[in-house]
């Protein structure tokens, strides 16, 4: 992070960064006897940020993009862009009818998916 790249350029920098990250919590744990209360407060703040603030911020960022760049948002909606993982399919389910696809490939005719996808 401090070096400007994801990979540390040397073991010395890696050791320094690891030490800088680990020493402050160690000192806090040694000097302050009620670490659980601090962990509880930090956990509550982190949960608040993840549950309430993060979805609101991402929604507002999407709306800002929609206002600033409507063509991009239209393209994302047309392509049905989603950050969620694809739905699971059964092993027997296929996007295409294999025999029809083979005949269309030989004949040069493009086919649309036959299961649950609309263009």
Protein backbone atom coordinates (compact mmCIF):
# COMPACT_ATOMS: atom_id res chain seq x y z
CA UNK A 1 0.00 0.00 0.00
CA UNK A 2 2.60 2.55 1.03
CA UNK A 3 4.92 1.46 -1.76
CA UNK A 4 2.35 2.16 -4.49
CA UNK A 5 1.86 -1.46 -5.56
CA UNK A 6 0.00 -4.44 -4.18
CA UNK A 7 3.14 -6.55 -3.83
CA UNK A 8 5.86 -5.43 -1.45
CA UNK A 9 9.12 -4.89 -3.28
CA UNK A 10 11.21 -6.52 -0.58
CA UNK A 11 10.96 -8.59 2.57
CA UNK A 12 12.14 -5.59 4.60
CA UNK A 13 9.17 -3.45 3.52
CA UNK A 14 6.82 -6.37 4.12
CA UNK A 15 8.17 -6.81 7.66
CA UNK A 16 7.89 -3.08 8.40
CA UNK A 17 4.29 -2.92 7.20
CA UNK A 18 3.27 -6.04 9.13
CA UNK A 19 4.90 -4.67 12.27
CA UNK A 20 3.21 -1.28 11.85
CA UNK A 21 -0.17 -3.00 11.53
CA UNK A 22 0.27 -5.44 14.44
CA UNK A 23 2.05 -3.36 17.13
CA UNK A 24 -0.73 -0.82 17.98
CA UNK A 25 -3.38 -3.49 18.75
CA UNK A 26 -0.81 -5.43 20.77
CA UNK A 27 0.03 -2.38 22.86
CA UNK A 28 -3.67 -1.68 23.38
CA UNK A 29 -4.32 -5.28 24.47
CA UNK A 30 -1.45 -5.17 26.96
CA UNK A 31 -2.21 -1.77 28.50
CA UNK A 32 -6.03 -1.68 28.49
CA UNK A 33 -7.66 -4.53 30.43
CA UNK A 34 -11.18 -4.23 28.91
CA UNK A 35 -10.42 -4.93 25.26
CA UNK A 36 -13.81 -6.62 24.83
CA UNK A 37 -15.65 -3.32 25.23
CA UNK A 38 -13.54 -1.73 22.50
CA UNK A 39 -14.11 -4.76 20.25
CA UNK A 40 -17.85 -4.49 20.87
CA UNK A 41 -17.93 -0.80 19.96
CA UNK A 42 -15.82 -1.35 16.84
CA UNK A 43 -18.02 -4.29 15.84
CA UNK A 44 -21.17 -2.19 16.28
CA UNK A 45 -19.73 0.65 14.20
CA UNK A 46 -18.58 -1.79 11.50
CA UNK A 47 -21.97 -3.50 11.39
CA UNK A 48 -23.72 -0.13 11.14
CA UNK A 49 -21.50 0.85 8.22
CA UNK A 50 -22.03 -2.47 6.41
CA UNK A 51 -25.78 -2.75 7.01
CA UNK A 52 -27.01 0.83 6.66
CA UNK A 53 -24.36 3.12 5.22
CA UNK A 54 -22.80 0.99 2.47
CA UNK A 55 -26.07 0.17 0.65
CA UNK A 56 -27.13 3.82 0.84
CA UNK A 57 -23.80 5.03 -0.52
CA UNK A 58 -23.83 2.53 -3.40
CA UNK A 59 -27.42 3.45 -4.28
CA UNK A 60 -26.54 7.15 -4.33
CA UNK A 61 -23.45 6.42 -6.45
CA UNK A 62 -25.65 4.54 -8.94
CA UNK A 63 -28.09 7.45 -9.10
CA UNK A 64 -25.20 9.89 -9.61
CA UNK A 65 -23.91 7.74 -12.48
CA UNK A 66 -27.42 7.63 -13.92
CA UNK A 67 -27.59 11.44 -13.88
CA UNK A 68 -24.01 12.08 -15.04
CA UNK A 69 -23.82 9.35 -17.69
CA UNK A 70 -27.27 8.14 -18.80
CA UNK A 71 -25.85 6.26 -21.81
CA UNK A 72 -23.73 4.07 -19.51
CA UNK A 73 -26.70 3.25 -17.28
CA UNK A 74 -28.85 2.45 -20.32
CA UNK A 75 -26.16 0.09 -21.61
CA UNK A 76 -25.87 -1.60 -18.21
CA UNK A 77 -29.63 -2.11 -18.06
CA UNK A 78 -29.82 -3.41 -21.64
CA UNK A 79 -27.04 -5.91 -20.93
CA UNK A 80 -28.66 -6.83 -17.60
CA UNK A 81 -25.38 -6.19 -15.80
CA UNK A 82 -25.43 -7.53 -12.25
CA UNK A 83 -22.86 -8.05 -9.54
CA UNK A 84 -24.79 -10.99 -8.12
CA UNK A 85 -23.67 -14.53 -8.92
CA UNK A 86 -25.53 -16.39 -11.67
CA UNK A 87 -28.45 -18.61 -10.73
CA UNK A 88 -27.64 -22.29 -10.31
CA UNK A 89 -28.89 -24.64 -12.98
CA UNK A 90 -29.56 -28.31 -12.80
CA UNK A 91 -27.11 -30.62 -14.58
CA UNK A 92 -29.67 -31.60 -17.20
CA UNK A 93 -30.66 -28.03 -18.03
CA UNK A 94 -28.88 -26.51 -21.00
CA UNK A 95 -28.93 -23.05 -22.53
CA UNK A 96 -29.36 -24.48 -25.99
CA UNK A 97 -31.00 -27.44 -27.62
CA UNK A 98 -27.85 -29.33 -28.66
CA UNK A 99 -29.24 -30.86 -31.88
CA UNK A 100 -30.78 -27.60 -33.06
CA UNK A 101 -27.58 -25.76 -32.22
CA UNK A 102 -25.47 -28.21 -34.21
CA UNK A 103 -27.74 -27.91 -37.24
CA UNK A 104 -27.79 -24.11 -36.99
CA UNK A 105 -24.01 -23.93 -36.74
CA UNK A 106 -23.71 -26.06 -39.87
CA UNK A 107 -26.34 -23.90 -41.58
CA UNK A 108 -24.90 -20.59 -40.32
CA UNK A 109 -28.06 -19.48 -38.47
CA UNK A 110 -27.50 -17.75 -35.10
CA UNK A 111 -29.74 -18.94 -32.24
CA UNK A 112 -31.00 -17.25 -29.12
CA UNK A 113 -30.77 -19.03 -25.76
CA UNK A 114 -33.81 -21.21 -25.15
CA UNK A 115 -33.98 -21.15 -21.34
CA UNK A 116 -35.12 -18.08 -19.43
CA UNK A 117 -33.08 -15.44 -21.25
CA UNK A 118 -34.69 -12.72 -23.31
CA UNK A 119 -32.82 -10.37 -25.57
